[in-house]
Protein backbone atom coordinates (compact mmCIF):
# COMPACT_ATOMS: atom_id res chain seq x y z
CA MET A 1 -1.09 3.42 2.72
CA LYS A 2 -1.46 4.30 4.49
CA LYS A 3 -2.54 6.51 7.37
CA LYS A 4 -0.99 7.05 6.65
CA GLY A 5 -0.98 8.33 8.67
CA LEU A 6 -2.09 10.42 6.47
CA ALA A 7 1.03 7.89 9.16
CA LEU A 8 2.46 9.69 6.41
CA ALA A 9 1.31 10.53 7.12
CA ALA A 10 0.69 13.73 9.55
CA VAL A 11 -1.09 14.90 6.52
CA VAL A 12 0.05 18.23 7.63
CA CYS A 13 3.43 16.64 7.71
CA SER A 14 3.38 15.20 4.32
CA ALA A 15 0.24 13.38 3.84
CA ALA A 16 -2.33 7.11 4.53
CA MET A 17 -0.59 3.89 4.37
CA LEU A 18 -2.33 6.70 7.99
CA LEU A 19 -0.22 9.95 8.08
CA SER A 20 3.16 9.81 9.65
CA ALA A 21 4.58 11.58 12.56
CA CYS A 22 6.42 14.52 11.23
CA GLY A 23 8.91 14.80 13.96
CA GLY A 24 12.47 14.07 14.86
CA SER A 25 15.26 14.58 17.26
CA GLY A 26 17.57 11.92 15.88
CA SER A 27 21.03 13.08 15.05
CA SER A 28 22.15 12.40 11.51
CA SER A 29 24.76 12.99 8.93
CA SER A 30 24.24 13.05 5.20
CA SER A 31 27.89 12.38 4.61
CA SER A 32 28.50 9.67 2.05
CA SER A 33 31.62 8.58 3.93
CA ASP A 34 30.06 5.22 4.86
CA GLY A 35 32.89 3.18 3.39
CA GLY A 36 32.82 5.43 0.34
CA LYS A 37 29.22 4.45 -0.38
CA ASP A 38 26.47 6.83 -1.43
CA ILE A 39 23.96 6.55 1.43
CA ILE A 40 20.89 8.80 1.39
CA THR A 41 19.58 9.96 4.78
CA LEU A 42 15.85 10.65 5.11
CA PHE A 43 13.48 12.04 7.72
CA ASN A 44 11.00 9.47 9.04
CA SER A 45 8.95 8.46 12.09
CA GLU A 46 9.16 5.24 14.09
CA PRO A 47 6.88 2.65 12.41
CA GLN A 48 3.82 1.73 14.45
CA ASN A 49 4.31 -1.99 13.90
CA PRO A 50 6.94 -4.48 12.70
CA LEU A 51 7.72 -4.23 8.98
CA ILE A 52 5.11 -6.62 7.60
CA PRO A 53 3.46 -5.38 4.36
CA GLY A 54 -0.03 -6.60 5.21
CA ASN A 55 0.00 -5.02 8.65
CA THR A 56 1.37 -1.58 7.75
CA ASN A 57 -1.06 1.22 6.99
CA GLU A 58 0.92 4.27 8.07
CA THR A 59 3.81 6.00 6.42
CA GLY A 60 6.49 5.57 9.06
CA GLY A 61 6.59 1.91 8.04
CA GLY A 62 5.19 2.45 4.55
CA MET A 63 8.13 4.51 3.35
CA VAL A 64 10.58 1.78 4.42
CA LEU A 65 8.46 -0.94 2.77
CA ARG A 66 8.58 1.10 -0.43
CA GLY A 67 12.26 0.20 -0.67
CA LEU A 68 12.13 -3.35 0.69
CA PHE A 69 9.25 -4.86 -1.30
CA SER A 70 8.02 -4.89 -4.88
CA GLN A 71 4.54 -5.85 -6.02
CA LEU A 72 3.08 -7.07 -9.29
CA VAL A 73 2.73 -3.45 -10.36
CA ARG A 74 4.58 -0.30 -9.32
CA PHE A 75 3.75 3.36 -9.89
CA ASP A 76 6.03 5.92 -11.45
CA VAL A 77 6.60 9.39 -9.96
CA LYS A 78 3.33 10.63 -11.49
CA GLY A 79 1.27 7.63 -10.35
CA ASN A 80 1.11 5.78 -13.65
CA PRO A 81 1.03 1.97 -13.23
CA VAL A 82 3.93 -0.03 -14.64
CA ASP A 83 4.33 -3.84 -14.56
CA ASP A 84 6.98 -4.79 -12.00
CA GLN A 85 6.99 -8.41 -10.78
CA ALA A 86 4.19 -9.25 -13.23
CA GLN A 87 4.85 -10.23 -16.81
CA SER A 88 1.13 -9.85 -17.47
CA ILE A 89 -2.21 -9.40 -15.66
CA LYS A 90 -5.04 -10.46 -17.98
CA PRO A 91 -8.81 -10.46 -17.24
CA ASN A 92 -11.36 -12.86 -18.64
CA ALA A 93 -14.28 -11.59 -20.73
CA ASP A 94 -16.42 -10.36 -17.82
CA GLY A 95 -13.60 -9.20 -15.55
CA THR A 96 -14.29 -11.73 -12.78
CA GLN A 97 -11.03 -13.63 -13.17
CA TYR A 98 -7.46 -12.49 -13.69
CA THR A 99 -4.58 -14.64 -14.85
CA ILE A 100 -1.25 -13.39 -13.51
CA LYS A 101 2.10 -14.44 -14.94
CA LEU A 102 5.32 -13.55 -13.13
CA LYS A 103 8.55 -12.47 -14.75
CA SER A 104 11.24 -15.15 -14.81
CA GLY A 105 14.16 -15.27 -12.40
CA LEU A 106 12.58 -13.30 -9.56
CA LYS A 107 14.26 -13.70 -6.16
CA PHE A 108 13.90 -12.50 -2.61
CA SER A 109 16.76 -10.59 -1.01
CA ASP A 110 18.07 -13.84 0.56
CA GLY A 111 18.39 -15.41 -2.91
CA SER A 112 15.39 -17.74 -2.63
CA PRO A 113 13.11 -17.89 -5.71
CA ILE A 114 9.80 -16.07 -5.89
CA LYS A 115 6.98 -18.35 -6.98
CA ALA A 116 3.25 -17.94 -7.50
CA GLU A 117 2.57 -19.48 -4.08
CA ASN A 118 4.57 -16.72 -2.41
CA PHE A 119 1.84 -14.36 -3.57
CA THR A 120 -1.19 -16.57 -2.92
CA LYS A 121 -0.08 -17.57 0.59
CA ALA A 122 0.83 -13.99 1.49
CA TRP A 123 -2.51 -12.63 0.29
CA SER A 124 -4.43 -15.34 2.12
CA TYR A 125 -2.51 -14.63 5.33
CA VAL A 126 -3.41 -10.95 5.19
CA ALA A 127 -7.06 -11.69 4.36
CA ASN A 128 -7.46 -14.16 7.25
CA VAL A 129 -9.09 -12.45 10.24
CA LYS A 130 -7.24 -14.81 12.60
CA ASN A 131 -4.00 -13.02 11.71
CA ALA A 132 -5.41 -9.55 12.51
CA GLN A 133 -3.71 -7.76 9.62
CA LYS A 134 -4.56 -4.09 9.12
CA CYS A 135 -4.73 -4.40 5.33
CA SER A 136 -7.18 -7.29 5.28
CA SER A 137 -9.98 -5.35 3.61
CA PHE A 138 -7.92 -4.79 0.44
CA PHE A 139 -8.68 -8.44 -0.43
CA SER A 140 -12.44 -8.22 0.13
CA THR A 141 -13.37 -8.67 -3.55
CA ILE A 142 -11.51 -11.99 -3.91
CA LYS A 143 -13.63 -15.14 -3.63
CA GLY A 144 -13.34 -16.78 -0.25
CA TYR A 145 -12.65 -13.56 1.67
CA LYS A 146 -15.89 -13.79 3.64
CA ASP A 147 -15.01 -17.36 4.67
CA LEU A 148 -11.76 -16.04 6.16
CA GLN A 149 -13.61 -13.40 8.16
CA LYS A 150 -15.37 -15.85 10.47
CA THR A 151 -14.89 -15.02 14.13
CA SER A 152 -14.23 -18.61 15.16
CA GLY A 153 -12.85 -21.87 13.81
CA LEU A 154 -9.93 -20.44 11.86
CA LYS A 155 -6.30 -21.45 12.40
CA GLY A 156 -4.75 -18.65 10.34
CA ASP A 157 -3.34 -20.75 7.50
CA GLU A 158 -6.55 -21.15 5.50
CA GLN A 159 -6.29 -20.00 1.89
CA LEU A 160 -8.49 -17.73 -0.20
CA SER A 161 -10.56 -20.05 -2.38
CA GLY A 162 -10.35 -17.57 -5.25
CA LEU A 163 -6.58 -18.01 -5.61
CA LYS A 164 -5.30 -20.94 -7.66
CA VAL A 165 -1.67 -21.73 -8.45
CA VAL A 166 -1.32 -22.94 -12.05
CA ASP A 167 2.45 -23.36 -12.01
CA ASP A 168 5.45 -21.72 -10.34
CA SER A 169 5.06 -18.55 -12.40
CA THR A 170 1.28 -18.41 -12.90
CA PHE A 171 -1.78 -18.06 -10.70
CA THR A 172 -5.40 -17.05 -11.18
CA VAL A 173 -7.58 -14.75 -9.11
CA ASP A 174 -11.35 -15.25 -9.02
CA LEU A 175 -13.39 -12.27 -7.85
CA ASP A 176 -16.91 -12.16 -6.44
CA SER A 177 -17.73 -9.53 -9.05
CA PRO A 178 -15.85 -7.44 -11.61
CA ASP A 179 -13.33 -5.02 -10.11
CA ALA A 180 -11.95 -2.47 -12.58
CA THR A 181 -9.34 -1.30 -10.07
CA PHE A 182 -7.85 -4.75 -9.40
CA PRO A 183 -4.97 -4.47 -11.93
CA ILE A 184 -3.69 -1.33 -10.16
CA LYS A 185 -4.74 -2.28 -6.63
CA VAL A 186 -2.12 -5.04 -6.67
CA GLY A 187 0.52 -2.30 -6.69
CA TYR A 188 -0.18 -1.64 -3.01
CA SER A 189 2.42 -2.96 -0.55
CA GLY A 190 -0.16 -5.20 1.15
CA PHE A 191 -0.07 -7.36 -2.02
CA ALA A 192 3.67 -8.06 -1.75
CA PRO A 193 4.87 -11.71 -1.85
CA LEU A 194 6.32 -13.26 1.30
CA PRO A 195 9.03 -15.94 1.62
CA ALA A 196 8.53 -19.22 3.49
CA SER A 197 10.52 -17.86 6.45
CA PHE A 198 7.75 -15.36 7.19
CA PHE A 199 5.20 -18.04 8.00
CA LYS A 200 7.59 -19.80 10.38
CA ASP A 201 7.96 -16.73 12.62
CA PRO A 202 6.05 -13.60 11.52
CA LYS A 203 7.14 -11.60 14.58
CA ALA A 204 10.83 -12.20 13.98
CA PHE A 205 10.37 -11.52 10.27
CA GLY A 206 8.80 -8.12 10.97
CA ASN A 207 11.92 -6.97 12.81
CA LYS A 208 14.27 -8.27 10.12
CA PRO A 209 12.25 -8.60 6.90
CA ILE A 210 13.30 -10.40 3.75
CA GLY A 211 11.84 -8.59 0.77
CA ASN A 212 12.04 -8.49 -3.00
CA GLY A 213 12.43 -4.78 -3.67
CA PRO A 214 15.26 -2.51 -4.82
CA TYR A 215 16.78 -2.65 -1.34
CA LYS A 216 17.31 -5.25 1.37
CA PHE A 217 17.04 -4.80 5.12
CA ASP A 218 20.21 -3.94 7.03
CA SER A 219 19.30 -2.83 10.57
CA TRP A 220 16.65 -1.26 12.80
CA ASN A 221 17.79 0.66 15.85
CA HIS A 222 14.39 1.43 17.35
CA GLY A 223 13.82 5.11 17.95
CA THR A 224 16.98 6.04 16.04
CA ASP A 225 17.06 4.77 12.47
CA ILE A 226 16.32 2.03 9.93
CA LYS A 227 18.95 1.18 7.33
CA ILE A 228 18.42 -0.52 3.99
CA VAL A 229 21.03 -1.27 1.33
CA LYS A 230 20.94 -2.09 -2.37
CA ASN A 231 19.51 -5.55 -3.07
CA PRO A 232 21.81 -7.50 -5.46
CA TYR A 233 18.98 -9.89 -6.38
CA TYR A 234 16.59 -7.18 -7.58
CA LYS A 235 16.22 -7.34 -11.37
CA GLY A 236 13.40 -4.84 -11.87
CA ASP A 237 13.50 -1.48 -13.60
CA ASP A 238 13.30 0.60 -10.41
CA LYS A 239 17.03 0.34 -9.73
CA PRO A 240 18.51 2.60 -7.02
CA ALA A 241 20.81 5.44 -7.98
CA ASN A 242 22.44 5.14 -4.53
CA ASP A 243 23.90 2.40 -2.35
CA GLY A 244 21.35 2.57 0.43
CA VAL A 245 19.02 4.66 2.57
CA ASP A 246 19.19 5.54 6.26
CA PHE A 247 15.74 6.48 7.59
CA LYS A 248 16.39 8.75 10.55
CA ILE A 249 13.74 8.73 13.28
CA TYR A 250 12.88 12.26 14.40
CA THR A 251 10.49 13.49 17.07
CA LYS A 252 10.73 17.15 16.06
CA SER A 253 10.36 18.24 12.46
CA SER A 254 12.18 21.47 13.28
CA ALA A 255 15.28 19.48 14.24
CA ALA A 256 15.16 17.59 10.94
CA TYR A 257 14.73 20.81 8.99
CA ALA A 258 17.76 22.33 10.71
CA ASP A 259 19.74 19.20 9.81
CA VAL A 260 18.80 19.59 6.14
CA GLN A 261 19.89 23.22 6.23
CA ALA A 262 23.22 22.21 7.76
CA GLY A 263 23.75 19.35 5.31
CA ASN A 264 23.40 16.70 8.02
CA LEU A 265 20.18 15.21 6.57
CA ASP A 266 19.61 14.71 2.87
CA ALA A 267 15.84 15.17 2.57
CA MET A 268 12.46 15.34 4.29
CA ASN A 269 8.88 15.36 3.06
CA ALA A 270 7.51 17.72 5.71
CA ILE A 271 7.91 21.39 6.50
CA PRO A 272 7.75 22.69 10.10
CA PRO A 273 4.89 25.22 10.52
CA GLU A 274 7.29 28.01 11.33
CA ASP A 275 9.11 27.49 8.03
CA THR A 276 6.19 27.14 5.60
CA LYS A 277 6.43 30.81 4.65
CA SER A 278 10.18 30.88 4.02
CA PHE A 279 11.31 27.43 2.86
CA ARG A 280 10.75 28.10 -0.84
CA THR A 281 13.24 30.99 -0.78
CA ASP A 282 15.75 29.42 1.63
CA SER A 283 19.07 29.39 -0.23
CA SER A 284 20.59 26.80 2.11
CA LEU A 285 18.46 23.96 0.67
CA GLN A 286 16.38 22.69 -2.25
CA ALA A 287 12.63 23.23 -1.93
CA TYR A 288 9.71 21.34 -3.47
CA ALA A 289 6.00 22.29 -3.42
CA LYS A 290 3.39 21.07 -5.92
CA PRO A 291 -0.25 19.86 -5.77
CA GLY A 292 -0.59 16.48 -4.09
CA SER A 293 -2.95 13.55 -3.65
CA SER A 294 -3.24 13.54 0.14
CA ILE A 295 -6.30 14.67 2.04
CA GLN A 296 -6.24 15.92 5.63
CA GLN A 297 -9.31 15.38 7.75
CA PHE A 298 -10.40 14.38 11.24
CA THR A 299 -12.55 11.41 12.17
CA ILE A 300 -15.36 11.38 14.72
CA PRO A 301 -16.07 7.82 15.94
CA SER A 302 -19.44 6.56 14.74
CA ASP A 303 -20.61 5.67 18.25
CA LEU A 304 -19.48 8.86 20.01
CA PRO A 305 -22.34 10.07 22.26
CA HIS A 306 -24.34 12.89 20.65
CA PHE A 307 -22.51 12.29 17.35
CA GLN A 308 -23.79 8.82 16.50
CA ILE A 309 -23.98 7.99 12.81
CA GLY A 310 -27.55 7.42 11.61
CA THR A 311 -29.20 9.64 14.22
CA GLU A 312 -30.69 13.06 13.56
CA GLU A 313 -28.72 14.62 16.39
CA GLY A 314 -25.46 13.07 15.23
CA THR A 315 -25.94 14.29 11.66
CA LEU A 316 -26.80 17.82 12.79
CA ARG A 317 -23.76 18.06 15.06
CA ARG A 318 -21.31 16.67 12.50
CA GLN A 319 -22.54 19.08 9.84
CA ALA A 320 -22.48 21.99 12.30
CA ILE A 321 -18.89 21.26 13.31
CA SER A 322 -17.81 21.07 9.68
CA MET A 323 -19.54 24.35 8.73
CA SER A 324 -17.95 26.14 11.68
CA ILE A 325 -14.39 25.59 10.36
CA ASP A 326 -12.94 28.41 8.27
CA ARG A 327 -10.79 26.24 6.02
CA ASP A 328 -9.74 29.00 3.63
CA THR A 329 -8.34 31.16 6.42
CA ILE A 330 -6.49 28.22 7.99
CA ILE A 331 -4.88 27.37 4.65
CA LYS A 332 -3.91 30.98 4.04
CA LYS A 333 -2.68 31.95 7.50
CA VAL A 334 -1.54 28.68 9.11
CA LEU A 335 -0.37 26.69 6.09
CA ASN A 336 0.81 29.75 4.15
CA GLY A 337 -1.07 28.59 1.09
CA LEU A 338 0.32 25.03 1.08
CA GLY A 339 -3.04 23.38 0.63
CA GLU A 340 -6.40 23.52 -1.12
CA THR A 341 -9.83 23.50 0.52
CA ALA A 342 -11.46 20.06 0.39
CA HIS A 343 -14.75 19.65 -1.47
CA GLU A 344 -15.04 15.86 -1.21
CA PHE A 345 -13.19 12.79 0.09
CA THR A 346 -10.64 12.09 -2.67
CA ALA A 347 -8.29 14.67 -4.27
CA PRO A 348 -8.26 16.83 -7.41
CA VAL A 349 -5.51 14.76 -9.05
CA ILE A 350 -7.54 11.51 -8.76
CA PRO A 351 -9.76 10.38 -11.68
CA GLY A 352 -13.44 11.01 -10.94
CA TYR A 353 -12.88 13.95 -8.58
CA SER A 354 -15.72 16.50 -8.46
CA ALA A 355 -16.03 19.71 -6.45
CA THR A 356 -19.78 19.95 -7.06
CA LEU A 357 -21.21 16.81 -5.49
CA LYS A 358 -24.48 17.05 -3.58
CA GLY A 359 -23.64 17.80 0.04
CA ASN A 360 -20.39 19.64 -0.66
CA GLU A 361 -22.01 22.68 1.00
CA ASN A 362 -21.46 20.87 4.31
CA LEU A 363 -17.74 21.49 3.83
CA LYS A 364 -18.14 25.25 3.37
CA TYR A 365 -17.64 27.78 6.16
CA ASN A 366 -21.14 28.92 7.13
CA PRO A 367 -21.28 30.11 10.76
CA THR A 368 -24.94 31.11 10.60
CA LYS A 369 -26.06 27.69 9.35
CA ALA A 370 -23.68 25.97 11.79
CA LYS A 371 -25.29 27.71 14.77
CA GLU A 372 -28.75 26.82 13.51
CA LEU A 373 -27.88 23.12 13.19
CA TRP A 374 -26.18 23.04 16.59
CA GLN A 375 -29.24 24.57 18.24
CA LYS A 376 -31.48 21.99 16.56
CA ALA A 377 -29.24 19.24 17.92
CA ASP A 378 -29.36 20.74 21.41
CA ALA A 379 -33.16 20.71 21.21
CA ILE A 380 -33.00 16.95 20.69
CA SER A 381 -30.45 16.28 23.45
CA LYS A 382 -28.23 18.83 25.20
CA ASP A 383 -24.53 18.01 24.89
CA ASN A 384 -22.49 19.45 27.75
CA ASP A 385 -19.26 17.62 26.87
CA LYS A 386 -16.51 19.14 24.76
CA LEU A 387 -15.68 17.53 21.45
CA THR A 388 -11.96 16.88 21.84
CA LEU A 389 -9.78 16.62 18.74
CA ALA A 390 -6.68 14.46 19.15
CA TYR A 391 -3.40 14.67 17.26
CA ASN A 392 0.22 13.63 17.78
CA SER A 393 2.21 16.52 19.24
CA ASP A 394 5.54 15.29 17.84
CA GLY A 395 4.38 16.32 14.39
CA THR A 396 3.30 19.58 12.78
CA SER A 397 -0.45 19.40 13.43
CA LYS A 398 -0.71 21.68 16.48
CA PRO A 399 -1.19 25.01 14.66
CA VAL A 400 -3.92 23.59 12.44
CA PHE A 401 -5.79 21.95 15.32
CA ASP A 402 -5.50 25.06 17.48
CA ALA A 403 -6.94 27.11 14.61
CA MET A 404 -9.77 24.61 14.01
CA VAL A 405 -10.80 24.55 17.65
CA ASN A 406 -10.74 28.36 17.77
CA SER A 407 -12.92 28.52 14.67
CA ILE A 408 -15.40 25.99 16.09
CA ASN A 409 -15.60 27.72 19.47
CA ASN A 410 -15.90 31.18 17.94
CA THR A 411 -18.87 29.92 15.95
CA LEU A 412 -20.66 27.55 18.31
CA GLY A 413 -19.52 28.67 21.76
CA SER A 414 -16.36 28.58 23.86
CA GLY A 415 -17.11 25.25 25.52
CA VAL A 416 -17.83 23.19 22.40
CA SER A 417 -14.38 21.90 21.42
CA ALA A 418 -10.82 21.43 22.70
CA THR A 419 -7.58 19.91 21.44
CA ASN A 420 -6.27 16.60 22.79
CA PRO A 421 -2.55 16.34 21.97
CA MET A 422 -0.79 12.97 22.41
CA PRO A 423 3.00 12.78 22.89
CA THR A 424 4.09 10.63 19.94
CA PHE A 425 2.72 9.36 16.66
CA GLN A 426 3.07 5.76 17.78
CA GLU A 427 1.06 6.41 20.97
CA PHE A 428 -1.50 8.30 18.93
CA ARG A 429 -1.93 5.50 16.39
CA ASP A 430 -2.02 2.82 19.09
CA ALA A 431 -4.81 4.70 20.90
CA ILE A 432 -6.80 4.87 17.66
CA SER A 433 -6.19 1.22 16.77
CA ASN A 434 -7.29 0.15 20.25
CA ARG A 435 -10.34 2.46 20.10
CA LYS A 436 -9.18 4.40 23.16
CA VAL A 437 -9.76 7.90 21.73
CA LYS A 438 -13.00 9.30 23.17
CA GLY A 439 -13.45 12.11 20.71
CA GLY A 440 -12.38 13.18 17.26
CA PHE A 441 -8.86 12.51 15.98
CA ARG A 442 -6.57 13.59 13.17
CA SER A 443 -6.84 11.33 10.15
CA GLY A 444 -6.43 11.65 6.43
CA TRP A 445 -5.24 9.58 3.54
CA MET A 446 -2.28 9.24 1.26
CA PRO A 447 -3.47 6.95 -1.56
CA ASP A 448 -1.92 3.55 -2.19
CA TYR A 449 -2.96 3.65 -5.84
CA PRO A 450 -4.62 6.41 -7.93
CA SER A 451 -8.29 5.50 -7.59
CA ALA A 452 -11.32 6.82 -5.69
CA GLU A 453 -11.83 3.23 -4.55
CA ASN A 454 -8.69 3.42 -2.42
CA TYR A 455 -9.88 6.51 -0.55
CA LEU A 456 -13.46 5.36 -0.04
CA VAL A 457 -13.36 1.60 0.55
CA GLN A 458 -10.37 1.50 2.86
CA ASN A 459 -11.55 4.42 4.99
CA PHE A 460 -15.30 4.03 5.12
CA ALA A 461 -16.56 0.61 3.97
CA THR A 462 -18.12 -1.55 6.67
CA SER A 463 -15.64 -4.30 5.77
CA ALA A 464 -12.73 -1.99 6.64
CA GLY A 465 -13.96 -1.24 10.16
CA HIS A 466 -13.20 -2.81 13.53
CA GLY A 467 -9.52 -3.39 12.83
CA ASN A 468 -9.87 -4.90 9.34
CA GLY A 469 -8.71 -1.79 7.51
CA SER A 470 -8.36 1.95 7.93
CA ASN A 471 -11.99 2.68 8.83
CA ASP A 472 -10.88 3.79 12.30
CA GLY A 473 -14.21 5.44 13.10
CA ASP A 474 -16.03 2.13 12.41
CA TYR A 475 -18.44 3.87 10.07
CA SER A 476 -21.16 1.69 8.56
CA ASN A 477 -23.99 2.65 6.23
CA PRO A 478 -25.64 0.04 3.96
CA LYS A 479 -26.50 2.72 1.39
CA PHE A 480 -22.83 3.67 1.08
CA ASP A 481 -21.76 0.02 0.86
CA ASP A 482 -24.36 -0.58 -1.86
CA GLU A 483 -22.89 2.23 -3.97
CA LEU A 484 -19.44 0.70 -3.56
CA ALA A 485 -20.81 -2.66 -4.73
CA LYS A 486 -22.24 -0.97 -7.84
CA ALA A 487 -18.85 0.58 -8.55
CA TYR A 488 -17.13 -2.80 -8.28
CA ALA A 489 -19.62 -4.28 -10.73
CA ALA A 490 -19.16 -1.44 -13.23
CA LYS A 491 -17.86 -2.35 -16.67
CA SER A 492 -15.51 0.62 -16.95
CA VAL A 493 -13.49 2.96 -14.75
CA ASP A 494 -15.61 5.92 -15.84
CA GLU A 495 -18.81 4.11 -14.90
CA ALA A 496 -17.30 3.09 -11.57
CA ASN A 497 -16.28 6.67 -10.84
CA LYS A 498 -19.90 7.79 -11.22
CA ASP A 499 -20.92 5.23 -8.61
CA TYR A 500 -18.12 6.41 -6.33
CA GLN A 501 -19.48 9.94 -6.65
CA GLN A 502 -22.88 8.67 -5.52
CA ALA A 503 -21.19 6.96 -2.59
CA GLN A 504 -19.48 10.21 -1.68
CA GLU A 505 -22.80 12.02 -1.52
CA VAL A 506 -23.77 9.63 1.27
CA LEU A 507 -20.52 10.49 3.06
CA LEU A 508 -21.04 14.22 2.59
CA ASN A 509 -24.31 13.91 4.47
CA ASP A 510 -23.09 11.58 7.23
CA LEU A 511 -19.57 13.03 7.65
CA PRO A 512 -17.92 10.03 9.34
CA ALA A 513 -14.81 12.17 8.88
CA VAL A 514 -14.62 15.91 8.25
CA PRO A 515 -12.48 16.73 5.18
CA LEU A 516 -10.31 19.80 5.65
CA TYR A 517 -7.85 20.32 2.82
CA TYR A 518 -5.68 18.69 0.18
CA MET A 519 -2.09 18.97 1.24
CA ALA A 520 0.54 20.13 -1.22
CA ASN A 521 3.38 17.71 -1.83
CA GLN A 522 6.18 19.50 -0.07
CA GLY A 523 9.70 18.83 1.09
CA VAL A 524 13.29 19.99 1.17
CA ALA A 525 16.66 18.49 0.36
CA ALA A 526 20.21 19.45 1.17
CA LYS A 527 22.38 21.13 -1.39
CA GLY A 528 24.27 18.64 -3.51
CA VAL A 529 21.55 15.98 -3.45
CA LYS A 530 20.53 14.95 -6.97
CA GLY A 531 17.26 13.42 -8.16
CA PHE A 532 15.16 14.91 -5.34
CA ALA A 533 11.41 15.33 -5.76
CA ILE A 534 8.20 14.40 -3.92
CA ASP A 535 6.19 11.77 -5.79
CA TRP A 536 2.44 11.49 -6.30
CA GLN A 537 2.05 9.77 -2.91
CA SER A 538 4.03 12.46 -1.04
CA TYR A 539 7.10 10.26 -0.57
CA PRO A 540 10.60 11.52 -1.37
CA THR A 541 11.93 9.95 -4.56
CA PHE A 542 14.72 8.28 -2.59
CA ILE A 543 15.29 5.45 -5.06
CA GLN A 544 16.51 7.93 -7.69
CA MET A 545 18.35 10.23 -5.27
CA HIS A 546 22.16 10.33 -5.14
CA LYS A 547 25.05 12.60 -4.19
């Protein structure tokens, strides 16, 4: 999701939809005395936007949507795809058309029936540039997408020409070219169906959504909490083991951690920096730490002076900055081993991952080479401005960014870089979305589905830039886009993964973002909480949790 930010999304926090603010000062109680019901309380951040699936690409909102909406496919704790709302998803002979049949008796949380048109209209709404949805680029392989990206003449209700309703439970999807990831891509929340009430008033809907997932919306007290309760109309297999979830909004992760220790918060998927060394042996709680799928990185805008993509100076400076960062020491001393040095732009648990791609040397600590490249860049054009690196200070990113800046300055000179903390995750994400950050900024990715395509297309494709996706640095390189097109046209996942590796070699040269490390899935739960784990996306397994 999400940036997940990633909003899970600080990646340091937990990992996207863009990584979330790992903070919190909200008071909470994990007591299940809510009318005798078993309510799970979870650490979360205030969502950046209203709770609309197609406009949520950070984890503050993404974690809530996980409970409120179901898609054609869902993923189990390990990331394996399982049919959810879909009875079947069948391709034609060349993989350019899919026929989708829905399970019978599906309903939204208000009791209204779910029909094929609830999917086709929702997908078209998200794809339509007039509606300015952050997840628009996920639909770029469907026929008619380009027609809905025109900058003028659209009303917002135009439909993707590649979507055809056959009957109430069947629709077809025509693609511009084969897409081997399509059957799992539809498990992303941006592909959720929407009821008719959404189109009447999207803004009102976002503050009181009607979904089709295991839970239904109860309340949103902005800045305090979001409550969801068990959905009586949900007939899927992902049935809650509890009666509801209360997402507590925190601005300090240390406060949330203390609440877990005291039994006043049931679980969190982030560990405060000061507790990373001790949490695994803390007898007052349950600890979880295993390899994860999230990557932590920072983005440098493509048009930043002296760092422009496609220029010799820009390439030299980006590579020099990357080589001046001692990732191994930061992981060991700052993260206390809760991470793994990045060698490319996906993660070791994702099919097609390789630590030996051409250009991976640009991610290795090499102070001598870094100085040489920086001096070559200065010979082209002297840069007297500091490269600032922004992050949200209500999360857990400060120690990592302080260490990175120290490493850069120790290598390249004391005036080269500086941190740029912003008060809250929401302010931080808004500044990025509005292109107000004049320097580098914390980014990263928590995957929406287990595929290299999700990491690469959504973060770096030209089609995902300028507000149409999560390409917040507005990176664009035709050579990279061509490799993505080859991957989409591949006849197998293995063949596609080879093309994605070629695409990554372009990224490893250009460095639109600087990969840092793969974050371990980590979290803690209060004593007495059952079913706690952190899933493949770095979310707590709240649907199966109970007390």
